[in-house]
Amino acid sequence: MKAVIQTQGRQFTVQEGDILKVNRYPNTEAGKTLDIKDVLMCEDGADVRFGNPLLKNAVVQVKILENKRDHKVHILKHRRRGGFQRKQGFRQELSVIRVESIKVK
C-alpha cells in the first residue's frame, strides 16, 4: 500500500517501512509515534483513492528514529572591490522517521 502524505510543509510518497528525513517535529523525542492525518492519496493495488484535498479517515503512523542536525551549508556574501566579505553557516534540524503503517477506513 502506498500513500502521498503532507508533513512539515512537504509532500512525500511513502509505503510501509520507508525511512524519511523531514524538518524536525517540535517537542518530540526519539521513539515517539505520531499520526499523520494529512493524506492526499492512497493506493492499494488497483484501488486508488484521491482526497479533495485530503482523504477522510486515513492515517499514516510514523515512528521517530532520531532527531539530528543536517550537514552545514556555508553562505558567503562578497562585493567586488569593496573589501566586504561575510561568511555564515546554517544547519537544518531534522527528524528521521520510519513509516509504521498506513490505515484507510
PDB file of N, CA and C in Angstrom:
ATOM      1  N   MET A   1       0.842  -1.169   0.000  1.00  0.00           N
ATOM      2  CA  MET A   1       0.000   0.000   0.000  1.00  0.00           C
ATOM      3  C   MET A   1       0.894   1.241   0.000  1.00  0.00           C
ATOM      4  N   LYS A   2       0.562   2.193  -0.869  1.00  0.00           N
ATOM      5  CA  LYS A   2       1.294   3.450  -0.971  1.00  0.00           C
ATOM      6  C   LYS A   2       0.380   4.600  -0.602  1.00  0.00           C
ATOM      7  N   ALA A   3       0.994   5.693  -0.159  1.00  0.00           N
ATOM      8  CA  ALA A   3       0.218   6.878   0.178  1.00  0.00           C
ATOM      9  C   ALA A   3       1.057   8.111  -0.104  1.00  0.00           C
ATOM     10  N   VAL A   4       0.378   9.199  -0.423  1.00  0.00           N
ATOM     11  CA  VAL A   4       1.023  10.504  -0.564  1.00  0.00           C
ATOM     12  C   VAL A   4       0.590  11.319   0.640  1.00  0.00           C
ATOM     13  N   ILE A   5       1.586  11.735   1.440  1.00  0.00           N
ATOM     14  CA  ILE A   5       1.280  12.479   2.657  1.00  0.00           C
ATOM     15  C   ILE A   5       1.885  13.867   2.579  1.00  0.00           C
ATOM     16  N   GLN A   6       1.360  14.749   3.401  1.00  0.00           N
ATOM     17  CA  GLN A   6       1.902  16.090   3.513  1.00  0.00           C
ATOM     18  C   GLN A   6       2.286  16.305   4.973  1.00  0.00           C
ATOM     19  N   THR A   7       3.571  16.588   5.214  1.00  0.00           N
ATOM     20  CA  THR A   7       4.040  16.833   6.562  1.00  0.00           C
ATOM     21  C   THR A   7       5.185  17.831   6.524  1.00  0.00           C
ATOM     22  N   GLN A   8       5.198  18.697   7.506  1.00  0.00           N
ATOM     23  CA  GLN A   8       6.239  19.708   7.650  1.00  0.00           C
ATOM     24  C   GLN A   8       6.389  20.554   6.381  1.00  0.00           C
ATOM     25  N   GLY A   9       5.289  20.815   5.681  1.00  0.00           N
ATOM     26  CA  GLY A   9       5.320  21.684   4.512  1.00  0.00           C
ATOM     27  C   GLY A   9       5.779  21.021   3.230  1.00  0.00           C
ATOM     28  N   ARG A  10       5.980  19.708   3.233  1.00  0.00           N
ATOM     29  CA  ARG A  10       6.423  18.992   2.034  1.00  0.00           C
ATOM     30  C   ARG A  10       5.548  17.772   1.817  1.00  0.00           C
ATOM     31  N   GLN A  11       5.563  17.257   0.583  1.00  0.00           N
ATOM     32  CA  GLN A  11       4.784  16.073   0.249  1.00  0.00           C
ATOM     33  C   GLN A  11       5.729  14.911  -0.044  1.00  0.00           C
ATOM     34  N   PHE A  12       5.330  13.719   0.405  1.00  0.00           N
ATOM     35  CA  PHE A  12       6.140  12.521   0.225  1.00  0.00           C
ATOM     36  C   PHE A  12       5.248  11.375  -0.232  1.00  0.00           C
ATOM     37  N   THR A  13       5.773  10.516  -1.105  1.00  0.00           N
ATOM     38  CA  THR A  13       5.132   9.260  -1.455  1.00  0.00           C
ATOM     39  C   THR A  13       5.788   8.189  -0.597  1.00  0.00           C
ATOM     40  N   VAL A  14       4.981   7.516   0.225  1.00  0.00           N
ATOM     41  CA  VAL A  14       5.540   6.580   1.200  1.00  0.00           C
ATOM     42  C   VAL A  14       4.840   5.233   1.116  1.00  0.00           C
ATOM     43  N   GLN A  15       5.519   4.213   1.617  1.00  0.00           N
ATOM     44  CA  GLN A  15       4.923   2.909   1.850  1.00  0.00           C
ATOM     45  C   GLN A  15       5.519   2.379   3.155  1.00  0.00           C
ATOM     46  N   GLU A  16       4.944   1.325   3.686  1.00  0.00           N
ATOM     47  CA  GLU A  16       5.364   0.820   4.989  1.00  0.00           C
ATOM     48  C   GLU A  16       6.847   0.446   4.972  1.00  0.00           C
ATOM     49  N   GLY A  17       7.553   0.886   5.999  1.00  0.00           N
ATOM     50  CA  GLY A  17       8.973   0.590   6.119  1.00  0.00           C
ATOM     51  C   GLY A  17       9.894   1.668   5.574  1.00  0.00           C
ATOM     52  N   ASP A  18       9.367   2.674   4.887  1.00  0.00           N
ATOM     53  CA  ASP A  18      10.203   3.743   4.352  1.00  0.00           C
ATOM     54  C   ASP A  18      10.785   4.595   5.475  1.00  0.00           C
ATOM     55  N   ILE A  19      12.002   5.084   5.253  1.00  0.00           N
ATOM     56  CA  ILE A  19      12.668   5.968   6.201  1.00  0.00           C
ATOM     57  C   ILE A  19      12.857   7.315   5.510  1.00  0.00           C
ATOM     58  N   LEU A  20      12.415   8.388   6.184  1.00  0.00           N
ATOM     59  CA  LEU A  20      12.447   9.731   5.611  1.00  0.00           C
ATOM     60  C   LEU A  20      13.168  10.693   6.538  1.00  0.00           C
ATOM     61  N   LYS A  21      13.759  11.743   5.944  1.00  0.00           N
ATOM     62  CA  LYS A  21      14.292  12.863   6.705  1.00  0.00           C
ATOM     63  C   LYS A  21      13.368  14.052   6.461  1.00  0.00           C
ATOM     64  N   VAL A  22      12.771  14.563   7.531  1.00  0.00           N
ATOM     65  CA  VAL A  22      11.864  15.711   7.423  1.00  0.00           C
ATOM     66  C   VAL A  22      12.321  16.777   8.415  1.00  0.00           C
ATOM     67  N   ASN A  23      11.804  17.988   8.256  1.00  0.00           N
ATOM     68  CA  ASN A  23      12.093  19.034   9.226  1.00  0.00           C
ATOM     69  C   ASN A  23      11.652  18.565  10.605  1.00  0.00           C
ATOM     70  N   ARG A  24      12.387  18.976  11.629  1.00  0.00           N
ATOM     71  CA  ARG A  24      12.167  18.447  12.972  1.00  0.00           C
ATOM     72  C   ARG A  24      10.765  18.765  13.489  1.00  0.00           C
ATOM     73  N   TYR A  25      10.145  17.724  14.066  1.00  0.00           N
ATOM     74  CA  TYR A  25       8.868  17.908  14.750  1.00  0.00           C
ATOM     75  C   TYR A  25       9.156  18.562  16.101  1.00  0.00           C
ATOM     76  N   PRO A  26       8.464  19.649  16.437  1.00  0.00           N
ATOM     77  CA  PRO A  26       8.752  20.308  17.716  1.00  0.00           C
ATOM     78  C   PRO A  26       8.279  19.476  18.906  1.00  0.00           C
ATOM     79  N   ASN A  27       9.033  19.562  19.978  1.00  0.00           N
ATOM     80  CA  ASN A  27       8.701  18.917  21.257  1.00  0.00           C
ATOM     81  C   ASN A  27       8.523  17.405  21.137  1.00  0.00           C
ATOM     82  N   THR A  28       9.390  16.757  20.373  1.00  0.00           N
ATOM     83  CA  THR A  28       9.345  15.302  20.242  1.00  0.00           C
ATOM     84  C   THR A  28      10.715  14.728  20.567  1.00  0.00           C
ATOM     85  N   GLU A  29      10.734  13.437  20.849  1.00  0.00           N
ATOM     86  CA  GLU A  29      11.982  12.754  21.123  1.00  0.00           C
ATOM     87  C   GLU A  29      11.980  11.406  20.407  1.00  0.00           C
ATOM     88  N   ALA A  30      13.138  10.795  20.337  1.00  0.00           N
ATOM     89  CA  ALA A  30      13.283   9.519  19.628  1.00  0.00           C
ATOM     90  C   ALA A  30      12.427   8.447  20.299  1.00  0.00           C
ATOM     91  N   GLY A  31      11.794   7.619  19.479  1.00  0.00           N
ATOM     92  CA  GLY A  31      10.965   6.533  19.969  1.00  0.00           C
ATOM     93  C   GLY A  31       9.480   6.858  20.013  1.00  0.00           C
ATOM     94  N   LYS A  32       9.125   8.115  19.854  1.00  0.00           N
ATOM     95  CA  LYS A  32       7.723   8.523  19.915  1.00  0.00           C
ATOM     96  C   LYS A  32       7.045   8.203  18.579  1.00  0.00           C
ATOM     97  N   THR A  33       5.760   7.819  18.621  1.00  0.00           N
ATOM     98  CA  THR A  33       4.998   7.577  17.399  1.00  0.00           C
ATOM     99  C   THR A  33       4.037   8.737  17.175  1.00  0.00           C
ATOM    100  N   LEU A  34       3.852   9.072  15.905  1.00  0.00           N
ATOM    101  CA  LEU A  34       2.973  10.164  15.508  1.00  0.00           C
ATOM    102  C   LEU A  34       1.975   9.666  14.483  1.00  0.00           C
ATOM    103  N   ASP A  35       0.809  10.288  14.445  1.00  0.00           N
ATOM    104  CA  ASP A  35      -0.191  10.014  13.417  1.00  0.00           C
ATOM    105  C   ASP A  35      -0.233  11.194  12.461  1.00  0.00           C
ATOM    106  N   ILE A  36      -0.030  10.921  11.185  1.00  0.00           N
ATOM    107  CA  ILE A  36      -0.123  11.956  10.159  1.00  0.00           C
ATOM    108  C   ILE A  36      -1.472  11.784   9.477  1.00  0.00           C
ATOM    109  N   LYS A  37      -2.328  12.792   9.613  1.00  0.00           N
ATOM    110  CA  LYS A  37      -3.680  12.710   9.071  1.00  0.00           C
ATOM    111  C   LYS A  37      -3.826  13.454   7.747  1.00  0.00           C
ATOM    112  N   ASP A  38      -2.768  14.122   7.296  1.00  0.00           N
ATOM    113  CA  ASP A  38      -2.807  14.831   6.020  1.00  0.00           C
ATOM    114  C   ASP A  38      -2.411  13.866   4.898  1.00  0.00           C
ATOM    115  N   VAL A  39      -3.335  13.004   4.514  1.00  0.00           N
ATOM    116  CA  VAL A  39      -3.113  12.015   3.459  1.00  0.00           C
ATOM    117  C   VAL A  39      -3.840  12.507   2.207  1.00  0.00           C
ATOM    118  N   LEU A  40      -3.089  12.682   1.124  1.00  0.00           N
ATOM    119  CA  LEU A  40      -3.645  13.223  -0.113  1.00  0.00           C
ATOM    120  C   LEU A  40      -4.152  12.132  -1.045  1.00  0.00           C
ATOM    121  N   MET A  41      -3.475  10.982  -1.049  1.00  0.00           N
ATOM    122  CA  MET A  41      -3.842   9.893  -1.951  1.00  0.00           C
ATOM    123  C   MET A  41      -3.419   8.577  -1.317  1.00  0.00           C
ATOM    124  N   CYS A  42      -4.159   7.521  -1.636  1.00  0.00           N
ATOM    125  CA  CYS A  42      -3.825   6.198  -1.137  1.00  0.00           C
ATOM    126  C   CYS A  42      -4.045   5.184  -2.258  1.00  0.00           C
ATOM    127  N   GLU A  43      -3.100   4.263  -2.403  1.00  0.00           N
ATOM    128  CA  GLU A  43      -3.189   3.255  -3.457  1.00  0.00           C
ATOM    129  C   GLU A  43      -2.966   1.885  -2.838  1.00  0.00           C
ATOM    130  N   ASP A  44      -3.882   0.975  -3.135  1.00  0.00           N
ATOM    131  CA  ASP A  44      -3.746  -0.408  -2.680  1.00  0.00           C
ATOM    132  C   ASP A  44      -4.023  -1.301  -3.887  1.00  0.00           C
ATOM    133  N   GLY A  45      -2.974  -1.594  -4.636  1.00  0.00           N
ATOM    134  CA  GLY A  45      -3.137  -2.377  -5.861  1.00  0.00           C
ATOM    135  C   GLY A  45      -3.872  -1.566  -6.916  1.00  0.00           C
ATOM    136  N   ALA A  46      -5.040  -2.061  -7.340  1.00  0.00           N
ATOM    137  CA  ALA A  46      -5.835  -1.353  -8.347  1.00  0.00           C
ATOM    138  C   ALA A  46      -6.778  -0.330  -7.718  1.00  0.00           C
ATOM    139  N   ASP A  47      -6.935  -0.380  -6.405  1.00  0.00           N
ATOM    140  CA  ASP A  47      -7.818   0.545  -5.700  1.00  0.00           C
ATOM    141  C   ASP A  47      -7.055   1.819  -5.364  1.00  0.00           C
ATOM    142  N   VAL A  48      -7.408   2.921  -6.033  1.00  0.00           N
ATOM    143  CA  VAL A  48      -6.757   4.210  -5.818  1.00  0.00           C
ATOM    144  C   VAL A  48      -7.797   5.200  -5.327  1.00  0.00           C
ATOM    145  N   ARG A  49      -7.487   5.867  -4.217  1.00  0.00           N
ATOM    146  CA  ARG A  49      -8.403   6.865  -3.659  1.00  0.00           C
ATOM    147  C   ARG A  49      -7.698   8.215  -3.606  1.00  0.00           C
ATOM    148  N   PHE A  50      -8.398   9.251  -4.060  1.00  0.00           N
ATOM    149  CA  PHE A  50      -7.877  10.605  -4.036  1.00  0.00           C
ATOM    150  C   PHE A  50      -8.690  11.439  -3.066  1.00  0.00           C
ATOM    151  N   GLY A  51      -8.024  12.332  -2.366  1.00  0.00           N
ATOM    152  CA  GLY A  51      -8.706  13.244  -1.465  1.00  0.00           C
ATOM    153  C   GLY A  51      -9.056  14.536  -2.167  1.00  0.00           C
ATOM    154  N   ASN A  52      -9.904  15.316  -1.497  1.00  0.00           N
ATOM    155  CA  ASN A  52     -10.304  16.593  -2.090  1.00  0.00           C
ATOM    156  C   ASN A  52     -10.254  17.676  -1.031  1.00  0.00           C
ATOM    157  N   PRO A  53      -9.163  18.204  -0.562  1.00  0.00           N
ATOM    158  CA  PRO A  53      -7.788  17.829  -0.892  1.00  0.00           C
ATOM    159  C   PRO A  53      -7.251  16.672  -0.054  1.00  0.00           C
ATOM    160  N   LEU A  54      -7.892  16.359   1.102  1.00  0.00           N
ATOM    161  CA  LEU A  54      -7.393  15.288   1.965  1.00  0.00           C
ATOM    162  C   LEU A  54      -8.372  14.131   2.022  1.00  0.00           C
ATOM    163  N   LEU A  55      -7.839  12.930   2.227  1.00  0.00           N
ATOM    164  CA  LEU A  55      -8.681  11.757   2.425  1.00  0.00           C
ATOM    165  C   LEU A  55      -9.195  11.748   3.867  1.00  0.00           C
ATOM    166  N   LYS A  56     -10.479  11.508   4.008  1.00  0.00           N
ATOM    167  CA  LYS A  56     -11.042  11.392   5.345  1.00  0.00           C
ATOM    168  C   LYS A  56     -10.793   9.983   5.865  1.00  0.00           C
ATOM    169  N   ASN A  57     -10.595   9.863   7.164  1.00  0.00           N
ATOM    170  CA  ASN A  57     -10.388   8.582   7.843  1.00  0.00           C
ATOM    171  C   ASN A  57      -9.136   7.846   7.359  1.00  0.00           C
ATOM    172  N   ALA A  58      -8.138   8.576   6.919  1.00  0.00           N
ATOM    173  CA  ALA A  58      -6.872   7.962   6.524  1.00  0.00           C
ATOM    174  C   ALA A  58      -5.783   8.459   7.473  1.00  0.00           C
ATOM    175  N   VAL A  59      -4.974   7.525   7.967  1.00  0.00           N
ATOM    176  CA  VAL A  59      -3.926   7.854   8.935  1.00  0.00           C
ATOM    177  C   VAL A  59      -2.662   7.087   8.568  1.00  0.00           C
ATOM    178  N   VAL A  60      -1.533   7.786   8.618  1.00  0.00           N
ATOM    179  CA  VAL A  60      -0.233   7.145   8.449  1.00  0.00           C
ATOM    180  C   VAL A  60       0.496   7.270   9.779  1.00  0.00           C
ATOM    181  N   GLN A  61       0.863   6.131  10.369  1.00  0.00           N
ATOM    182  CA  GLN A  61       1.586   6.138  11.632  1.00  0.00           C
ATOM    183  C   GLN A  61       3.077   6.083  11.353  1.00  0.00           C
ATOM    184  N   VAL A  62       3.817   7.002  11.986  1.00  0.00           N
ATOM    185  CA  VAL A  62       5.265   7.043  11.830  1.00  0.00           C
ATOM    186  C   VAL A  62       5.918   7.004  13.207  1.00  0.00           C
ATOM    187  N   LYS A  63       7.142   6.509  13.231  1.00  0.00           N
ATOM    188  CA  LYS A  63       7.922   6.465  14.469  1.00  0.00           C
ATOM    189  C   LYS A  63       9.177   7.301  14.262  1.00  0.00           C
ATOM    190  N   ILE A  64       9.488   8.144  15.240  1.00  0.00           N
ATOM    191  CA  ILE A  64      10.685   8.981  15.153  1.00  0.00           C
ATOM    192  C   ILE A  64      11.878   8.136  15.576  1.00  0.00           C
ATOM    193  N   LEU A  65      12.818   7.964  14.663  1.00  0.00           N
ATOM    194  CA  LEU A  65      14.018   7.183  14.965  1.00  0.00           C
ATOM    195  C   LEU A  65      15.060   8.031  15.677  1.00  0.00           C
ATOM    196  N   GLU A  66      15.252   9.274  15.202  1.00  0.00           N
ATOM    197  CA  GLU A  66      16.201  10.176  15.853  1.00  0.00           C
ATOM    198  C   GLU A  66      15.956  11.605  15.411  1.00  0.00           C
ATOM    199  N   ASN A  67      16.384  12.529  16.249  1.00  0.00           N
ATOM    200  CA  ASN A  67      16.417  13.951  15.921  1.00  0.00           C
ATOM    201  C   ASN A  67      17.875  14.336  15.769  1.00  0.00           C
ATOM    202  N   LYS A  68      18.204  14.995  14.680  1.00  0.00           N
ATOM    203  CA  LYS A  68      19.602  15.347  14.447  1.00  0.00           C
ATOM    204  C   LYS A  68      19.689  16.634  13.646  1.00  0.00           C
ATOM    205  N   ARG A  69      20.901  17.037  13.343  1.00  0.00           N
ATOM    206  CA  ARG A  69      21.124  18.219  12.531  1.00  0.00           C
ATOM    207  C   ARG A  69      21.798  17.789  11.235  1.00  0.00           C
ATOM    208  N   ASP A  70      21.399  18.413  10.131  1.00  0.00           N
ATOM    209  CA  ASP A  70      21.932  18.094   8.812  1.00  0.00           C
ATOM    210  C   ASP A  70      23.344  18.676   8.669  1.00  0.00           C
ATOM    211  N   HIS A  71      23.999  18.394   7.559  1.00  0.00           N
ATOM    212  CA  HIS A  71      25.334  18.929   7.319  1.00  0.00           C
ATOM    213  C   HIS A  71      25.276  20.456   7.182  1.00  0.00           C
ATOM    214  N   LYS A  72      26.392  21.092   7.423  1.00  0.00           N
ATOM    215  CA  LYS A  72      26.444  22.554   7.419  1.00  0.00           C
ATOM    216  C   LYS A  72      26.458  23.086   5.982  1.00  0.00           C
ATOM    217  N   VAL A  73      25.652  24.111   5.760  1.00  0.00           N
ATOM    218  CA  VAL A  73      25.627  24.815   4.484  1.00  0.00           C
ATOM    219  C   VAL A  73      26.305  26.158   4.716  1.00  0.00           C
ATOM    220  N   HIS A  74      27.299  26.484   3.887  1.00  0.00           N
ATOM    221  CA  HIS A  74      28.024  27.739   4.038  1.00  0.00           C
ATOM    222  C   HIS A  74      27.436  28.786   3.110  1.00  0.00           C
ATOM    223  N   ILE A  75      27.210  29.969   3.660  1.00  0.00           N
ATOM    224  CA  ILE A  75      26.702  31.092   2.890  1.00  0.00           C
ATOM    225  C   ILE A  75      27.803  32.141   2.869  1.00  0.00           C
ATOM    226  N   LEU A  76      28.209  32.586   1.687  1.00  0.00           N
ATOM    227  CA  LEU A  76      29.279  33.569   1.556  1.00  0.00           C
ATOM    228  C   LEU A  76      28.750  34.751   0.772  1.00  0.00           C
ATOM    229  N   LYS A  77      28.836  35.927   1.367  1.00  0.00           N
ATOM    230  CA  LYS A  77      28.452  37.160   0.676  1.00  0.00           C
ATOM    231  C   LYS A  77      29.720  37.944   0.392  1.00  0.00           C
ATOM    232  N   HIS A  78      29.817  38.494  -0.811  1.00  0.00           N
ATOM    233  CA  HIS A  78      31.023  39.193  -1.223  1.00  0.00           C
ATOM    234  C   HIS A  78      30.630  40.283  -2.209  1.00  0.00           C
ATOM    235  N   ARG A  79      31.248  41.448  -2.052  1.00  0.00           N
ATOM    236  CA  ARG A  79      31.057  42.537  -3.024  1.00  0.00           C
ATOM    237  C   ARG A  79      32.416  42.867  -3.616  1.00  0.00           C
ATOM    238  N   ARG A  80      32.456  42.980  -4.907  1.00  0.00           N
ATOM    239  CA  ARG A  80      33.730  43.213  -5.567  1.00  0.00           C
ATOM    240  C   ARG A  80      34.256  44.624  -5.263  1.00  0.00           C
ATOM    241  N   ARG A  81      35.532  44.712  -5.120  1.00  0.00           N
ATOM    242  CA  ARG A  81      36.275  45.955  -4.909  1.00  0.00           C
ATOM    243  C   ARG A  81      35.825  46.740  -3.682  1.00  0.00           C
ATOM    244  N   GLY A  82      35.166  46.105  -2.761  1.00  0.00           N
ATOM    245  CA  GLY A  82      34.724  46.843  -1.583  1.00  0.00           C
ATOM    246  C   GLY A  82      35.354  46.369  -0.292  1.00  0.00           C
ATOM    247  N   GLY A  83      36.055  45.275  -0.355  1.00  0.00           N
ATOM    248  CA  GLY A  83      36.640  44.711   0.855  1.00  0.00           C
ATOM    249  C   GLY A  83      35.583  44.134   1.788  1.00  0.00           C
ATOM    250  N   PHE A  84      34.417  43.804   1.241  1.00  0.00           N
ATOM    251  CA  PHE A  84      33.309  43.307   2.048  1.00  0.00           C
ATOM    252  C   PHE A  84      33.185  41.808   1.847  1.00  0.00           C
ATOM    253  N   GLN A  85      33.307  41.066   2.938  1.00  0.00           N
ATOM    254  CA  GLN A  85      33.069  39.625   2.902  1.00  0.00           C
ATOM    255  C   GLN A  85      32.345  39.231   4.177  1.00  0.00           C
ATOM    256  N   ARG A  86      31.392  38.336   4.038  1.00  0.00           N
ATOM    257  CA  ARG A  86      30.685  37.820   5.208  1.00  0.00           C
ATOM    258  C   ARG A  86      30.462  36.330   4.998  1.00  0.00           C
ATOM    259  N   LYS A  87      30.838  35.547   5.982  1.00  0.00           N
ATOM    260  CA  LYS A  87      30.652  34.102   5.910  1.00  0.00           C
ATOM    261  C   LYS A  87      29.721  33.689   7.035  1.00  0.00           C
ATOM    262  N   GLN A  88      28.765  32.826   6.692  1.00  0.00           N
ATOM    263  CA  GLN A  88      27.779  32.381   7.663  1.00  0.00           C
ATOM    264  C   GLN A  88      27.493  30.907   7.405  1.00  0.00           C
ATOM    265  N   GLY A  89      27.179  30.160   8.453  1.00  0.00           N
ATOM    266  CA  GLY A  89      26.847  28.750   8.303  1.00  0.00           C
ATOM    267  C   GLY A  89      25.455  28.477   8.835  1.00  0.00           C
ATOM    268  N   PHE A  90      24.847  27.410   8.324  1.00  0.00           N
ATOM    269  CA  PHE A  90      23.495  27.050   8.734  1.00  0.00           C
ATOM    270  C   PHE A  90      23.375  25.538   8.755  1.00  0.00           C
ATOM    271  N   ARG A  91      22.749  25.000   9.817  1.00  0.00           N
ATOM    272  CA  ARG A  91      22.481  23.572   9.913  1.00  0.00           C
ATOM    273  C   ARG A  91      20.997  23.365  10.173  1.00  0.00           C
ATOM    274  N   GLN A  92      20.339  22.655   9.278  1.00  0.00           N
ATOM    275  CA  GLN A  92      18.907  22.374   9.408  1.00  0.00           C
ATOM    276  C   GLN A  92      18.685  21.268  10.431  1.00  0.00           C
ATOM    277  N   GLU A  93      17.696  21.435  11.291  1.00  0.00           N
ATOM    278  CA  GLU A  93      17.348  20.403  12.256  1.00  0.00           C
ATOM    279  C   GLU A  93      16.361  19.434  11.621  1.00  0.00           C
ATOM    280  N   LEU A  94      16.636  18.137  11.754  1.00  0.00           N
ATOM    281  CA  LEU A  94      15.861  17.107  11.074  1.00  0.00           C
ATOM    282  C   LEU A  94      15.331  16.072  12.052  1.00  0.00           C
ATOM    283  N   SER A  95      14.250  15.419  11.653  1.00  0.00           N
ATOM    284  CA  SER A  95      13.763  14.217  12.314  1.00  0.00           C
ATOM    285  C   SER A  95      13.835  13.088  11.302  1.00  0.00           C
ATOM    286  N   VAL A  96      14.402  11.970  11.699  1.00  0.00           N
ATOM    287  CA  VAL A  96      14.438  10.772  10.848  1.00  0.00           C
ATOM    288  C   VAL A  96      13.274   9.907  11.297  1.00  0.00           C
ATOM    289  N   ILE A  97      12.342   9.630  10.359  1.00  0.00           N
ATOM    290  CA  ILE A  97      11.132   8.893  10.713  1.00  0.00           C
ATOM    291  C   ILE A  97      11.017   7.630   9.868  1.00  0.00           C
ATOM    292  N   ARG A  98      10.320   6.629  10.404  1.00  0.00           N
ATOM    293  CA  ARG A  98      10.029   5.398   9.668  1.00  0.00           C
ATOM    294  C   ARG A  98       8.525   5.212   9.638  1.00  0.00           C
ATOM    295  N   VAL A  99       7.987   4.878   8.470  1.00  0.00           N
ATOM    296  CA  VAL A  99       6.550   4.659   8.311  1.00  0.00           C
ATOM    297  C   VAL A  99       6.214   3.279   8.855  1.00  0.00           C
ATOM    298  N   GLU A 100       5.373   3.253   9.890  1.00  0.00           N
ATOM    299  CA  GLU A 100       4.987   2.007  10.531  1.00  0.00           C
ATOM    300  C   GLU A 100       3.780   1.359   9.845  1.00  0.00           C
ATOM    301  N   SER A 101       2.731   2.161   9.601  1.00  0.00           N
ATOM    302  CA  SER A 101       1.532   1.581   8.984  1.00  0.00           C
ATOM    303  C   SER A 101       0.737   2.669   8.264  1.00  0.00           C
ATOM    304  N   ILE A 102      -0.053   2.222   7.289  1.00  0.00           N
ATOM    305  CA  ILE A 102      -0.958   3.098   6.534  1.00  0.00           C
ATOM    306  C   ILE A 102      -2.359   2.497   6.695  1.00  0.00           C
ATOM    307  N   LYS A 103      -3.260   3.292   7.260  1.00  0.00           N
ATOM    308  CA  LYS A 103      -4.608   2.805   7.518  1.00  0.00           C
ATOM    309  C   LYS A 103      -5.626   3.701   6.827  1.00  0.00           C
ATOM    310  N   VAL A 104      -6.523   3.072   6.057  1.00  0.00           N
ATOM    311  CA  VAL A 104      -7.634   3.788   5.423  1.00  0.00           C
ATOM    312  C   VAL A 104      -8.901   3.048   5.799  1.00  0.00           C
ATOM    313  N   LYS A 105      -9.847   3.766   6.374  1.00  0.00           N
ATOM    314  CA  LYS A 105     -11.096   3.136   6.810  1.00  0.00           C
ATOM    315  C   LYS A 105     -12.177   3.306   5.782  1.00  0.00           C
TER     316      LYS A 105
END
